[in-house]
């Protein structure tokens, strides 16, 4: 479930995207939204992080990995939740 909220400040309107993450697919969707809000391509992000563009694509598409499957299995078993918040403002450099 994703929610969008905005607040006004002196620099204009800033939207924040929030969501509860229950699967690798949902996590990938939120990571993709964060990248798109920043105006960064998969290739640019991959270069910044020192990984392949394919890796970024697989993360964003929620490709099931052993780690992700186990992580969400453990979260379900323990009642743990994961939430993500994406600041709509570009990073300050």
PDB file of N, CA and C in Angstrom:
ATOM      1  N   UNK A   1       0.829  -1.172   0.000  1.00  0.00           N
ATOM      2  CA  UNK A   1       0.000   0.000   0.000  1.00  0.00           C
ATOM      3  C   UNK A   1       0.878   1.240   0.000  1.00  0.00           C
ATOM      4  N   UNK A   2       0.697   2.106  -0.986  1.00  0.00           N
ATOM      5  CA  UNK A   2       1.483   3.320  -1.085  1.00  0.00           C
ATOM      6  C   UNK A   2       0.587   4.521  -0.819  1.00  0.00           C
ATOM      7  N   UNK A   3       1.133   5.482  -0.098  1.00  0.00           N
ATOM      8  CA  UNK A   3       0.424   6.729   0.152  1.00  0.00           C
ATOM      9  C   UNK A   3       1.311   7.869  -0.266  1.00  0.00           C
ATOM     10  N   UNK A   4       0.708   8.898  -0.804  1.00  0.00           N
ATOM     11  CA  UNK A   4       1.443  10.084  -1.190  1.00  0.00           C
ATOM     12  C   UNK A   4       0.942  11.233  -0.333  1.00  0.00           C
ATOM     13  N   UNK A   5       1.868  11.949   0.274  1.00  0.00           N
ATOM     14  CA  UNK A   5       1.491  13.132   1.028  1.00  0.00           C
ATOM     15  C   UNK A   5       2.389  14.268   0.589  1.00  0.00           C
ATOM     16  N   UNK A   6       1.941  15.460   0.804  1.00  0.00           N
ATOM     17  CA  UNK A   6       2.776  16.601   0.446  1.00  0.00           C
ATOM     18  C   UNK A   6       2.671  17.661   1.518  1.00  0.00           C
ATOM     19  N   UNK A   7       3.724  18.437   1.638  1.00  0.00           N
ATOM     20  CA  UNK A   7       3.721  19.559   2.559  1.00  0.00           C
ATOM     21  C   UNK A   7       4.389  20.723   1.861  1.00  0.00           C
ATOM     22  N   UNK A   8       3.925  21.902   2.151  1.00  0.00           N
ATOM     23  CA  UNK A   8       4.496  23.093   1.534  1.00  0.00           C
ATOM     24  C   UNK A   8       5.605  23.638   2.415  1.00  0.00           C
ATOM     25  N   UNK A   9       6.660  24.106   1.780  1.00  0.00           N
ATOM     26  CA  UNK A   9       7.713  24.820   2.465  1.00  0.00           C
ATOM     27  C   UNK A   9       8.137  25.976   1.577  1.00  0.00           C
ATOM     28  N   UNK A  10       9.158  26.679   1.932  1.00  0.00           N
ATOM     29  CA  UNK A  10       9.574  27.855   1.166  1.00  0.00           C
ATOM     30  C   UNK A  10      10.047  27.523  -0.238  1.00  0.00           C
ATOM     31  N   UNK A  11      10.534  26.334  -0.469  1.00  0.00           N
ATOM     32  CA  UNK A  11      11.038  25.958  -1.794  1.00  0.00           C
ATOM     33  C   UNK A  11       9.937  25.418  -2.691  1.00  0.00           C
ATOM     34  N   UNK A  12       8.707  25.336  -2.200  1.00  0.00           N
ATOM     35  CA  UNK A  12       7.614  24.824  -3.018  1.00  0.00           C
ATOM     36  C   UNK A  12       7.018  23.583  -2.399  1.00  0.00           C
ATOM     37  N   UNK A  13       6.372  22.792  -3.215  1.00  0.00           N
ATOM     38  CA  UNK A  13       5.684  21.602  -2.731  1.00  0.00           C
ATOM     39  C   UNK A  13       6.625  20.404  -2.755  1.00  0.00           C
ATOM     40  N   UNK A  14       6.542  19.592  -1.720  1.00  0.00           N
ATOM     41  CA  UNK A  14       7.375  18.402  -1.626  1.00  0.00           C
ATOM     42  C   UNK A  14       6.462  17.211  -1.342  1.00  0.00           C
ATOM     43  N   UNK A  15       6.529  16.210  -2.170  1.00  0.00           N
ATOM     44  CA  UNK A  15       5.709  15.012  -1.970  1.00  0.00           C
ATOM     45  C   UNK A  15       6.550  13.933  -1.324  1.00  0.00           C
ATOM     46  N   UNK A  16       5.933  13.193  -0.420  1.00  0.00           N
ATOM     47  CA  UNK A  16       6.587  12.061   0.213  1.00  0.00           C
ATOM     48  C   UNK A  16       5.753  10.833  -0.099  1.00  0.00           C
ATOM     49  N   UNK A  17       6.404   9.797  -0.552  1.00  0.00           N
ATOM     50  CA  UNK A  17       5.741   8.552  -0.869  1.00  0.00           C
ATOM     51  C   UNK A  17       6.048   7.571   0.251  1.00  0.00           C
ATOM     52  N   UNK A  18       5.006   6.957   0.810  1.00  0.00           N
ATOM     53  CA  UNK A  18       5.179   6.014   1.914  1.00  0.00           C
ATOM     54  C   UNK A  18       4.482   4.706   1.577  1.00  0.00           C
ATOM     55  N   UNK A  19       5.029   3.621   2.058  1.00  0.00           N
ATOM     56  CA  UNK A  19       4.369   2.347   1.845  1.00  0.00           C
ATOM     57  C   UNK A  19       4.870   1.271   2.778  1.00  0.00           C
ATOM     58  N   UNK A  20       4.002   0.333   3.085  1.00  0.00           N
ATOM     59  CA  UNK A  20       4.377  -0.836   3.870  1.00  0.00           C
ATOM     60  C   UNK A  20       4.817  -1.906   2.877  1.00  0.00           C
ATOM     61  N   UNK A  21       5.914  -2.540   3.156  1.00  0.00           N
ATOM     62  CA  UNK A  21       6.510  -3.512   2.248  1.00  0.00           C
ATOM     63  C   UNK A  21       6.268  -4.913   2.783  1.00  0.00           C
ATOM     64  N   UNK A  22       5.608  -5.734   1.966  1.00  0.00           N
ATOM     65  CA  UNK A  22       5.309  -7.113   2.375  1.00  0.00           C
ATOM     66  C   UNK A  22       5.933  -8.145   1.444  1.00  0.00           C
ATOM     67  N   UNK A  23       6.589  -7.668   0.374  1.00  0.00           N
ATOM     68  CA  UNK A  23       7.170  -8.610  -0.586  1.00  0.00           C
ATOM     69  C   UNK A  23       8.317  -7.939  -1.330  1.00  0.00           C
ATOM     70  N   UNK A  24       9.118  -8.760  -1.978  1.00  0.00           N
ATOM     71  CA  UNK A  24      10.213  -8.240  -2.800  1.00  0.00           C
ATOM     72  C   UNK A  24       9.664  -7.384  -3.937  1.00  0.00           C
ATOM     73  N   UNK A  25       8.495  -7.753  -4.459  1.00  0.00           N
ATOM     74  CA  UNK A  25       7.893  -6.985  -5.549  1.00  0.00           C
ATOM     75  C   UNK A  25       7.530  -5.577  -5.089  1.00  0.00           C
ATOM     76  N   UNK A  26       6.937  -5.469  -3.899  1.00  0.00           N
ATOM     77  CA  UNK A  26       6.572  -4.154  -3.369  1.00  0.00           C
ATOM     78  C   UNK A  26       7.813  -3.317  -3.086  1.00  0.00           C
ATOM     79  N   UNK A  27       8.848  -3.946  -2.551  1.00  0.00           N
ATOM     80  CA  UNK A  27      10.093  -3.235  -2.295  1.00  0.00           C
ATOM     81  C   UNK A  27      10.667  -2.713  -3.607  1.00  0.00           C
ATOM     82  N   UNK A  28      10.676  -3.554  -4.626  1.00  0.00           N
ATOM     83  CA  UNK A  28      11.184  -3.142  -5.936  1.00  0.00           C
ATOM     84  C   UNK A  28      10.413  -1.975  -6.517  1.00  0.00           C
ATOM     85  N   UNK A  29       9.098  -2.003  -6.377  1.00  0.00           N
ATOM     86  CA  UNK A  29       8.266  -0.908  -6.889  1.00  0.00           C
ATOM     87  C   UNK A  29       8.601   0.403  -6.194  1.00  0.00           C
ATOM     88  N   UNK A  30       8.788   0.351  -4.884  1.00  0.00           N
ATOM     89  CA  UNK A  30       9.113   1.570  -4.144  1.00  0.00           C
ATOM     90  C   UNK A  30      10.511   2.078  -4.491  1.00  0.00           C
ATOM     91  N   UNK A  31      11.450   1.180  -4.655  1.00  0.00           N
ATOM     92  CA  UNK A  31      12.792   1.602  -5.052  1.00  0.00           C
ATOM     93  C   UNK A  31      12.759   2.247  -6.430  1.00  0.00           C
ATOM     94  N   UNK A  32      11.967   1.677  -7.331  1.00  0.00           N
ATOM     95  CA  UNK A  32      11.823   2.257  -8.666  1.00  0.00           C
ATOM     96  C   UNK A  32      11.219   3.656  -8.579  1.00  0.00           C
ATOM     97  N   UNK A  33      10.197   3.819  -7.753  1.00  0.00           N
ATOM     98  CA  UNK A  33       9.581   5.142  -7.604  1.00  0.00           C
ATOM     99  C   UNK A  33      10.597   6.160  -7.083  1.00  0.00           C
ATOM    100  N   UNK A  34      11.408   5.751  -6.121  1.00  0.00           N
ATOM    101  CA  UNK A  34      12.443   6.640  -5.607  1.00  0.00           C
ATOM    102  C   UNK A  34      13.423   7.057  -6.690  1.00  0.00           C
ATOM    103  N   UNK A  35      13.826   6.103  -7.506  1.00  0.00           N
ATOM    104  CA  UNK A  35      14.756   6.406  -8.607  1.00  0.00           C
ATOM    105  C   UNK A  35      14.109   7.365  -9.592  1.00  0.00           C
ATOM    106  N   UNK A  36      12.848   7.112  -9.944  1.00  0.00           N
ATOM    107  CA  UNK A  36      12.156   7.961 -10.912  1.00  0.00           C
ATOM    108  C   UNK A  36      11.943   9.372 -10.373  1.00  0.00           C
ATOM    109  N   UNK A  37      11.603   9.489  -9.095  1.00  0.00           N
ATOM    110  CA  UNK A  37      11.446  10.807  -8.478  1.00  0.00           C
ATOM    111  C   UNK A  37      12.740  11.597  -8.576  1.00  0.00           C
ATOM    112  N   UNK A  38      13.849  10.916  -8.422  1.00  0.00           N
ATOM    113  CA  UNK A  38      15.162  11.570  -8.509  1.00  0.00           C
ATOM    114  C   UNK A  38      15.585  11.858  -9.953  1.00  0.00           C
ATOM    115  N   UNK A  39      14.855  11.298 -10.919  1.00  0.00           N
ATOM    116  CA  UNK A  39      15.186  11.530 -12.320  1.00  0.00           C
ATOM    117  C   UNK A  39      16.455  10.823 -12.761  1.00  0.00           C
ATOM    118  N   UNK A  40      16.691   9.644 -12.188  1.00  0.00           N
ATOM    119  CA  UNK A  40      17.906   8.873 -12.476  1.00  0.00           C
ATOM    120  C   UNK A  40      17.518   7.622 -13.259  1.00  0.00           C
ATOM    121  N   UNK A  41      18.262   7.312 -14.299  1.00  0.00           N
ATOM    122  CA  UNK A  41      18.001   6.090 -15.065  1.00  0.00           C
ATOM    123  C   UNK A  41      18.582   4.885 -14.320  1.00  0.00           C
ATOM    124  N   UNK A  42      18.142   3.704 -14.706  1.00  0.00           N
ATOM    125  CA  UNK A  42      18.713   2.484 -14.122  1.00  0.00           C
ATOM    126  C   UNK A  42      20.214   2.439 -14.387  1.00  0.00           C
ATOM    127  N   UNK A  43      20.614   2.821 -15.571  1.00  0.00           N
ATOM    128  CA  UNK A  43      22.041   2.797 -15.938  1.00  0.00           C
ATOM    129  C   UNK A  43      22.846   3.762 -15.064  1.00  0.00           C
ATOM    130  N   UNK A  44      22.305   4.969 -14.847  1.00  0.00           N
ATOM    131  CA  UNK A  44      23.006   5.949 -14.011  1.00  0.00           C
ATOM    132  C   UNK A  44      23.114   5.461 -12.571  1.00  0.00           C
ATOM    133  N   UNK A  45      22.032   4.916 -12.041  1.00  0.00           N
ATOM    134  CA  UNK A  45      22.050   4.410 -10.671  1.00  0.00           C
ATOM    135  C   UNK A  45      23.049   3.265 -10.536  1.00  0.00           C
ATOM    136  N   UNK A  46      23.034   2.370 -11.504  1.00  0.00           N
ATOM    137  CA  UNK A  46      23.973   1.243 -11.479  1.00  0.00           C
ATOM    138  C   UNK A  46      25.418   1.743 -11.463  1.00  0.00           C
ATOM    139  N   UNK A  47      25.698   2.745 -12.268  1.00  0.00           N
ATOM    140  CA  UNK A  47      27.048   3.304 -12.319  1.00  0.00           C
ATOM    141  C   UNK A  47      27.436   3.925 -10.978  1.00  0.00           C
ATOM    142  N   UNK A  48      26.507   4.662 -10.369  1.00  0.00           N
ATOM    143  CA  UNK A  48      26.770   5.277  -9.057  1.00  0.00           C
ATOM    144  C   UNK A  48      27.078   4.235  -7.995  1.00  0.00           C
ATOM    145  N   UNK A  49      26.393   3.084  -8.083  1.00  0.00           N
ATOM    146  CA  UNK A  49      26.526   2.050  -7.060  1.00  0.00           C
ATOM    147  C   UNK A  49      27.574   0.988  -7.379  1.00  0.00           C
ATOM    148  N   UNK A  50      28.097   1.014  -8.600  1.00  0.00           N
ATOM    149  CA  UNK A  50      29.095   0.019  -8.994  1.00  0.00           C
ATOM    150  C   UNK A  50      28.506  -1.361  -9.219  1.00  0.00           C
ATOM    151  N   UNK A  51      27.259  -1.390  -9.714  1.00  0.00           N
ATOM    152  CA  UNK A  51      26.605  -2.658 -10.038  1.00  0.00           C
ATOM    153  C   UNK A  51      26.129  -2.587 -11.486  1.00  0.00           C
ATOM    154  N   UNK A  52      25.612  -3.687 -11.995  1.00  0.00           N
ATOM    155  CA  UNK A  52      25.133  -3.698 -13.379  1.00  0.00           C
ATOM    156  C   UNK A  52      23.715  -3.123 -13.459  1.00  0.00           C
ATOM    157  N   UNK A  53      23.366  -2.641 -14.637  1.00  0.00           N
ATOM    158  CA  UNK A  53      22.009  -2.159 -14.879  1.00  0.00           C
ATOM    159  C   UNK A  53      21.026  -3.302 -14.704  1.00  0.00           C
ATOM    160  N   UNK A  54      21.441  -4.503 -15.073  1.00  0.00           N
ATOM    161  CA  UNK A  54      20.587  -5.684 -14.912  1.00  0.00           C
ATOM    162  C   UNK A  54      20.238  -5.920 -13.438  1.00  0.00           C
ATOM    163  N   UNK A  55      21.218  -5.707 -12.564  1.00  0.00           N
ATOM    164  CA  UNK A  55      20.973  -5.867 -11.128  1.00  0.00           C
ATOM    165  C   UNK A  55      19.887  -4.904 -10.655  1.00  0.00           C
ATOM    166  N   UNK A  56      19.980  -3.642 -11.075  1.00  0.00           N
ATOM    167  CA  UNK A  56      18.969  -2.646 -10.707  1.00  0.00           C
ATOM    168  C   UNK A  56      17.607  -3.071 -11.242  1.00  0.00           C
ATOM    169  N   UNK A  57      17.567  -3.511 -12.491  1.00  0.00           N
ATOM    170  CA  UNK A  57      16.313  -3.962 -13.093  1.00  0.00           C
ATOM    171  C   UNK A  57      15.710  -5.124 -12.299  1.00  0.00           C
ATOM    172  N   UNK A  58      16.532  -6.081 -11.927  1.00  0.00           N
ATOM    173  CA  UNK A  58      16.044  -7.240 -11.172  1.00  0.00           C
ATOM    174  C   UNK A  58      15.537  -6.838  -9.793  1.00  0.00           C
ATOM    175  N   UNK A  59      16.219  -5.903  -9.139  1.00  0.00           N
ATOM    176  CA  UNK A  59      15.756  -5.421  -7.834  1.00  0.00           C
ATOM    177  C   UNK A  59      14.401  -4.740  -7.978  1.00  0.00           C
ATOM    178  N   UNK A  60      14.274  -3.874  -8.964  1.00  0.00           N
ATOM    179  CA  UNK A  60      13.036  -3.124  -9.149  1.00  0.00           C
ATOM    180  C   UNK A  60      11.877  -4.014  -9.580  1.00  0.00           C
ATOM    181  N   UNK A  61      12.171  -5.086 -10.278  1.00  0.00           N
ATOM    182  CA  UNK A  61      11.102  -5.975 -10.726  1.00  0.00           C
ATOM    183  C   UNK A  61      10.717  -6.990  -9.645  1.00  0.00           C
ATOM    184  N   UNK A  62      11.439  -6.964  -8.521  1.00  0.00           N
ATOM    185  CA  UNK A  62      11.119  -7.859  -7.413  1.00  0.00           C
ATOM    186  C   UNK A  62      11.511  -9.296  -7.675  1.00  0.00           C
ATOM    187  N   UNK A  63      12.549  -9.477  -8.476  1.00  0.00           N
ATOM    188  CA  UNK A  63      13.011 -10.835  -8.770  1.00  0.00           C
ATOM    189  C   UNK A  63      13.303 -11.569  -7.454  1.00  0.00           C
ATOM    190  N   UNK A  64      12.676 -12.718  -7.278  1.00  0.00           N
ATOM    191  CA  UNK A  64      12.876 -13.427  -6.012  1.00  0.00           C
ATOM    192  C   UNK A  64      14.305 -13.968  -5.891  1.00  0.00           C
ATOM    193  N   UNK A  65      14.950 -13.584  -4.809  1.00  0.00           N
ATOM    194  CA  UNK A  65      16.273 -14.117  -4.487  1.00  0.00           C
ATOM    195  C   UNK A  65      16.129 -14.916  -3.201  1.00  0.00           C
ATOM    196  N   UNK A  66      17.075 -15.770  -2.947  1.00  0.00           N
ATOM    197  CA  UNK A  66      17.031 -16.548  -1.703  1.00  0.00           C
ATOM    198  C   UNK A  66      16.970 -15.625  -0.492  1.00  0.00           C
ATOM    199  N   UNK A  67      17.780 -14.573  -0.538  1.00  0.00           N
ATOM    200  CA  UNK A  67      17.813 -13.640   0.587  1.00  0.00           C
ATOM    201  C   UNK A  67      16.454 -12.970   0.783  1.00  0.00           C
ATOM    202  N   UNK A  68      15.874 -12.436  -0.286  1.00  0.00           N
ATOM    203  CA  UNK A  68      14.592 -11.732  -0.178  1.00  0.00           C
ATOM    204  C   UNK A  68      13.481 -12.678   0.274  1.00  0.00           C
ATOM    205  N   UNK A  69      13.447 -13.862  -0.303  1.00  0.00           N
ATOM    206  CA  UNK A  69      12.420 -14.823   0.097  1.00  0.00           C
ATOM    207  C   UNK A  69      12.523 -15.151   1.580  1.00  0.00           C
ATOM    208  N   UNK A  70      13.729 -15.391   2.046  1.00  0.00           N
ATOM    209  CA  UNK A  70      13.949 -15.719   3.455  1.00  0.00           C
ATOM    210  C   UNK A  70      13.628 -14.525   4.349  1.00  0.00           C
ATOM    211  N   UNK A  71      14.034 -13.335   3.927  1.00  0.00           N
ATOM    212  CA  UNK A  71      13.773 -12.133   4.709  1.00  0.00           C
ATOM    213  C   UNK A  71      12.277 -11.949   4.951  1.00  0.00           C
ATOM    214  N   UNK A  72      11.476 -12.011   3.889  1.00  0.00           N
ATOM    215  CA  UNK A  72      10.039 -11.806   4.052  1.00  0.00           C
ATOM    216  C   UNK A  72       9.372 -12.976   4.771  1.00  0.00           C
ATOM    217  N   UNK A  73       9.924 -14.165   4.643  1.00  0.00           N
ATOM    218  CA  UNK A  73       9.421 -15.319   5.398  1.00  0.00           C
ATOM    219  C   UNK A  73       9.647 -15.110   6.899  1.00  0.00           C
ATOM    220  N   UNK A  74      10.835 -14.650   7.262  1.00  0.00           N
ATOM    221  CA  UNK A  74      11.155 -14.384   8.668  1.00  0.00           C
ATOM    222  C   UNK A  74      10.291 -13.253   9.200  1.00  0.00           C
ATOM    223  N   UNK A  75      10.090 -12.228   8.400  1.00  0.00           N
ATOM    224  CA  UNK A  75       9.243 -11.111   8.829  1.00  0.00           C
ATOM    225  C   UNK A  75       7.826 -11.584   9.116  1.00  0.00           C
ATOM    226  N   UNK A  76       7.270 -12.407   8.232  1.00  0.00           N
ATOM    227  CA  UNK A  76       5.918 -12.924   8.456  1.00  0.00           C
ATOM    228  C   UNK A  76       5.869 -13.767   9.729  1.00  0.00           C
ATOM    229  N   UNK A  77       6.870 -14.613   9.921  1.00  0.00           N
ATOM    230  CA  UNK A  77       6.888 -15.516  11.078  1.00  0.00           C
ATOM    231  C   UNK A  77       7.035 -14.769  12.398  1.00  0.00           C
ATOM    232  N   UNK A  78       7.703 -13.628  12.377  1.00  0.00           N
ATOM    233  CA  UNK A  78       7.954 -12.893  13.615  1.00  0.00           C
ATOM    234  C   UNK A  78       7.021 -11.704  13.804  1.00  0.00           C
ATOM    235  N   UNK A  79       6.164 -11.450  12.833  1.00  0.00           N
ATOM    236  CA  UNK A  79       5.253 -10.314  12.928  1.00  0.00           C
ATOM    237  C   UNK A  79       5.921  -8.974  12.665  1.00  0.00           C
ATOM    238  N   UNK A  80       7.126  -9.014  12.122  1.00  0.00           N
ATOM    239  CA  UNK A  80       7.854  -7.774  11.820  1.00  0.00           C
ATOM    240  C   UNK A  80       7.273  -7.124  10.564  1.00  0.00           C
ATOM    241  N   UNK A  81       7.343  -5.813  10.516  1.00  0.00           N
ATOM    242  CA  UNK A  81       6.890  -5.092   9.333  1.00  0.00           C
ATOM    243  C   UNK A  81       8.018  -4.204   8.810  1.00  0.00           C
ATOM    244  N   UNK A  82       7.916  -3.859   7.549  1.00  0.00           N
ATOM    245  CA  UNK A  82       8.884  -2.981   6.909  1.00  0.00           C
ATOM    246  C   UNK A  82       8.106  -1.878   6.212  1.00  0.00           C
ATOM    247  N   UNK A  83       8.526  -0.655   6.430  1.00  0.00           N
ATOM    248  CA  UNK A  83       7.927   0.483   5.749  1.00  0.00           C
ATOM    249  C   UNK A  83       9.041   1.266   5.080  1.00  0.00           C
ATOM    250  N   UNK A  84       8.673   1.967   4.027  1.00  0.00           N
ATOM    251  CA  UNK A  84       9.649   2.777   3.306  1.00  0.00           C
ATOM    252  C   UNK A  84       9.036   4.145   3.082  1.00  0.00           C
ATOM    253  N   UNK A  85       9.863   5.157   3.131  1.00  0.00           N
ATOM    254  CA  UNK A  85       9.433   6.523   2.878  1.00  0.00           C
ATOM    255  C   UNK A  85      10.398   7.139   1.886  1.00  0.00           C
ATOM    256  N   UNK A  86       9.848   7.677   0.821  1.00  0.00           N
ATOM    257  CA  UNK A  86      10.672   8.298  -0.216  1.00  0.00           C
ATOM    258  C   UNK A  86      10.415   9.789  -0.194  1.00  0.00           C
ATOM    259  N   UNK A  87      11.448  10.532   0.088  1.00  0.00           N
ATOM    260  CA  UNK A  87      11.381  11.980   0.104  1.00  0.00           C
ATOM    261  C   UNK A  87      11.349  12.472  -1.339  1.00  0.00           C
ATOM    262  N   UNK A  88      10.351  13.257  -1.683  1.00  0.00           N
ATOM    263  CA  UNK A  88      10.202  13.745  -3.046  1.00  0.00           C
ATOM    264  C   UNK A  88      11.160  14.846  -3.412  1.00  0.00           C
ATOM    265  N   UNK A  89      11.964  15.292  -2.467  1.00  0.00           N
ATOM    266  CA  UNK A  89      12.922  16.357  -2.745  1.00  0.00           C
ATOM    267  C   UNK A  89      14.238  15.751  -3.193  1.00  0.00           C
ATOM    268  N   UNK A  90      14.834  16.301  -4.261  1.00  0.00           N
ATOM    269  CA  UNK A  90      16.140  15.772  -4.706  1.00  0.00           C
ATOM    270  C   UNK A  90      17.178  15.909  -3.604  1.00  0.00           C
ATOM    271  N   UNK A  91      18.152  15.007  -3.571  1.00  0.00           N
ATOM    272  CA  UNK A  91      19.183  15.077  -2.539  1.00  0.00           C
ATOM    273  C   UNK A  91      19.988  16.364  -2.664  1.00  0.00           C
ATOM    274  N   UNK A  92      20.420  16.868  -1.534  1.00  0.00           N
ATOM    275  CA  UNK A  92      21.239  18.087  -1.532  1.00  0.00           C
ATOM    276  C   UNK A  92      22.694  17.701  -1.581  1.00  0.00           C
ATOM    277  N   UNK A  93      23.408  18.313  -2.489  1.00  0.00           N
ATOM    278  CA  UNK A  93      24.798  17.954  -2.664  1.00  0.00           C
ATOM    279  C   UNK A  93      25.678  18.958  -2.145  1.00  0.00           C
TER     280      UNK A  93
END
